Amino acid sequence: MFALLRGGPGDGRVVDVSRPEVVWRSCLYERTSDMQQVRGREVRVYAHRPDCCEGYGRGDVDGCE
């Protein structure tokens, strides 16, 4: 299944997922009920957790607390 990442450093990326959450460059994204059309197919939207990695400003080197 594919998902569209919303918010955070991965905003707009389409990734392959198999769980209710996905880690992209050490930032956590969680599944939402929203769906969106991307390149002719409907994909689930995963939202960035604002309390994970974003606040430190280093993105790909931060870990989730």
N, C-alpha and C. Protein backbone atom coordinates (compact mmCIF):
# COMPACT_ATOMS: atom_id res chain seq x y z
N MET A 1 0.85 -1.17 0.00
CA MET A 1 0.00 0.00 0.00
C MET A 1 0.89 1.24 0.00
N PHE A 2 0.47 2.25 -0.70
CA PHE A 2 1.22 3.49 -0.76
C PHE A 2 0.54 4.56 0.08
N ALA A 3 1.35 5.49 0.60
CA ALA A 3 0.83 6.57 1.43
C ALA A 3 1.48 7.89 1.03
N LEU A 4 0.74 8.96 1.23
CA LEU A 4 1.22 10.31 1.00
C LEU A 4 1.57 10.92 2.35
N LEU A 5 2.80 11.40 2.51
CA LEU A 5 3.22 12.03 3.77
C LEU A 5 2.81 13.49 3.76
N ARG A 6 2.24 13.95 4.87
CA ARG A 6 1.82 15.35 5.01
C ARG A 6 2.50 15.97 6.22
N GLY A 7 3.11 17.13 6.00
CA GLY A 7 3.79 17.85 7.06
C GLY A 7 5.21 17.36 7.26
N GLY A 8 5.98 18.11 8.03
CA GLY A 8 7.35 17.71 8.34
C GLY A 8 8.25 17.68 7.12
N PRO A 9 9.42 17.09 7.27
CA PRO A 9 10.40 17.09 6.18
C PRO A 9 10.03 16.20 5.00
N GLY A 10 9.10 15.27 5.18
CA GLY A 10 8.70 14.37 4.10
C GLY A 10 7.47 14.81 3.35
N ASP A 11 7.00 16.03 3.59
CA ASP A 11 5.75 16.51 3.01
C ASP A 11 5.70 16.32 1.50
N GLY A 12 4.65 15.64 1.04
CA GLY A 12 4.44 15.43 -0.38
C GLY A 12 5.03 14.14 -0.93
N ARG A 13 5.81 13.44 -0.16
CA ARG A 13 6.41 12.18 -0.63
C ARG A 13 5.39 11.06 -0.60
N VAL A 14 5.50 10.16 -1.56
CA VAL A 14 4.68 8.95 -1.60
C VAL A 14 5.61 7.79 -1.26
N VAL A 15 5.24 7.03 -0.23
CA VAL A 15 6.07 5.93 0.24
C VAL A 15 5.24 4.66 0.36
N ASP A 16 5.92 3.53 0.32
CA ASP A 16 5.28 2.23 0.50
C ASP A 16 5.17 1.96 2.00
N VAL A 17 3.98 1.63 2.48
CA VAL A 17 3.76 1.40 3.91
C VAL A 17 3.02 0.08 4.14
N SER A 18 3.18 -0.46 5.34
CA SER A 18 2.46 -1.68 5.70
C SER A 18 1.98 -1.64 7.14
N ARG A 19 2.16 -0.48 7.80
CA ARG A 19 1.76 -0.35 9.21
C ARG A 19 0.98 0.94 9.41
N PRO A 20 0.36 1.10 10.60
CA PRO A 20 -0.39 2.33 10.88
C PRO A 20 0.52 3.54 11.10
N GLU A 21 1.82 3.31 11.20
CA GLU A 21 2.75 4.42 11.31
C GLU A 21 3.96 4.10 10.43
N VAL A 22 4.65 5.15 10.02
CA VAL A 22 5.84 5.00 9.19
C VAL A 22 6.89 5.98 9.67
N VAL A 23 8.14 5.56 9.64
CA VAL A 23 9.25 6.45 10.00
C VAL A 23 9.96 6.80 8.71
N TRP A 24 10.07 8.09 8.45
CA TRP A 24 10.79 8.57 7.28
C TRP A 24 11.87 9.52 7.77
N ARG A 25 13.12 9.17 7.52
CA ARG A 25 14.27 9.96 8.00
C ARG A 25 14.14 10.29 9.49
N SER A 26 13.82 9.31 10.25
CA SER A 26 13.67 9.36 11.72
C SER A 26 12.54 10.25 12.21
N CYS A 27 11.60 10.60 11.36
CA CYS A 27 10.42 11.35 11.77
C CYS A 27 9.19 10.45 11.64
N LEU A 28 8.34 10.52 12.63
CA LEU A 28 7.19 9.64 12.69
C LEU A 28 5.97 10.25 11.98
N TYR A 29 5.31 9.42 11.17
CA TYR A 29 4.07 9.79 10.49
C TYR A 29 3.02 8.75 10.86
N GLU A 30 1.79 9.21 11.13
CA GLU A 30 0.72 8.30 11.53
C GLU A 30 -0.43 8.34 10.52
N ARG A 31 -1.07 7.19 10.33
CA ARG A 31 -2.16 7.06 9.37
C ARG A 31 -3.35 7.92 9.80
N THR A 32 -3.97 8.56 8.82
CA THR A 32 -5.19 9.33 9.04
C THR A 32 -6.32 8.66 8.27
N SER A 33 -7.52 9.17 8.39
CA SER A 33 -8.65 8.63 7.64
C SER A 33 -8.75 9.28 6.25
N ASP A 34 -7.91 10.26 5.97
CA ASP A 34 -7.95 10.98 4.69
C ASP A 34 -7.35 10.15 3.56
N MET A 35 -7.93 10.30 2.37
CA MET A 35 -7.42 9.69 1.15
C MET A 35 -7.21 10.81 0.14
N GLN A 36 -6.25 10.61 -0.77
CA GLN A 36 -5.99 11.63 -1.78
C GLN A 36 -5.55 10.95 -3.08
N GLN A 37 -5.91 11.55 -4.20
CA GLN A 37 -5.50 11.04 -5.51
C GLN A 37 -4.08 11.49 -5.81
N VAL A 38 -3.22 10.52 -6.13
CA VAL A 38 -1.83 10.81 -6.50
C VAL A 38 -1.49 9.95 -7.71
N ARG A 39 -1.14 10.60 -8.81
CA ARG A 39 -0.77 9.89 -10.05
C ARG A 39 -1.79 8.84 -10.45
N GLY A 40 -3.04 9.20 -10.37
CA GLY A 40 -4.11 8.33 -10.83
C GLY A 40 -4.56 7.24 -9.87
N ARG A 41 -4.03 7.22 -8.68
CA ARG A 41 -4.50 6.23 -7.70
C ARG A 41 -4.78 6.90 -6.38
N GLU A 42 -5.68 6.29 -5.62
CA GLU A 42 -6.05 6.84 -4.32
C GLU A 42 -5.13 6.27 -3.25
N VAL A 43 -4.50 7.14 -2.48
CA VAL A 43 -3.57 6.71 -1.43
C VAL A 43 -3.99 7.29 -0.09
N ARG A 44 -3.64 6.61 0.97
CA ARG A 44 -3.91 7.06 2.34
C ARG A 44 -2.94 8.18 2.70
N VAL A 45 -3.41 9.15 3.47
CA VAL A 45 -2.57 10.25 3.94
C VAL A 45 -2.04 9.91 5.34
N TYR A 46 -0.75 10.06 5.52
CA TYR A 46 -0.11 9.89 6.81
C TYR A 46 0.38 11.25 7.28
N ALA A 47 0.03 11.63 8.52
CA ALA A 47 0.34 12.96 9.04
C ALA A 47 1.58 12.93 9.94
N HIS A 48 2.37 13.96 9.82
CA HIS A 48 3.58 14.10 10.63
C HIS A 48 3.24 14.34 12.09
N ARG A 49 3.96 13.69 13.00
CA ARG A 49 3.80 13.94 14.43
C ARG A 49 4.66 15.14 14.79
N PRO A 50 4.05 16.27 15.12
CA PRO A 50 4.83 17.49 15.38
C PRO A 50 5.74 17.40 16.60
N ASP A 51 5.50 16.46 17.48
CA ASP A 51 6.36 16.32 18.67
C ASP A 51 7.54 15.39 18.41
N CYS A 52 7.71 14.97 17.17
CA CYS A 52 8.78 14.02 16.85
C CYS A 52 9.71 14.60 15.79
N CYS A 53 10.90 14.93 16.18
CA CYS A 53 12.03 15.36 15.35
C CYS A 53 11.96 16.78 14.83
N GLU A 54 10.79 17.31 14.55
CA GLU A 54 10.66 18.63 13.94
C GLU A 54 11.23 19.75 14.82
N GLY A 55 10.98 19.68 16.09
CA GLY A 55 11.37 20.77 16.98
C GLY A 55 12.86 21.01 17.09
N TYR A 56 13.66 20.01 16.80
CA TYR A 56 15.10 20.17 16.92
C TYR A 56 15.73 20.77 15.68
N GLY A 57 15.02 20.73 14.56
CA GLY A 57 15.49 21.38 13.35
C GLY A 57 16.57 20.62 12.61
N ARG A 58 16.85 19.37 12.98
CA ARG A 58 17.90 18.63 12.30
C ARG A 58 17.33 17.55 11.40
N GLY A 59 16.02 17.31 11.45
CA GLY A 59 15.34 16.39 10.53
C GLY A 59 15.88 14.99 10.49
N ASP A 60 16.75 14.68 9.52
CA ASP A 60 17.16 13.31 9.28
C ASP A 60 18.12 12.74 10.30
N VAL A 61 18.64 13.54 11.25
CA VAL A 61 19.53 12.99 12.27
C VAL A 61 18.84 12.85 13.64
N ASP A 62 17.66 13.40 13.78
CA ASP A 62 16.95 13.30 15.06
C ASP A 62 16.26 11.97 15.18
N GLY A 63 16.08 11.54 16.41
CA GLY A 63 15.29 10.35 16.68
C GLY A 63 14.03 10.73 17.42
N CYS A 64 13.04 9.88 17.34
CA CYS A 64 11.82 10.15 18.07
C CYS A 64 12.04 9.91 19.55
N GLU A 65 11.51 10.78 20.38
CA GLU A 65 11.68 10.66 21.82
C GLU A 65 10.72 9.63 22.37
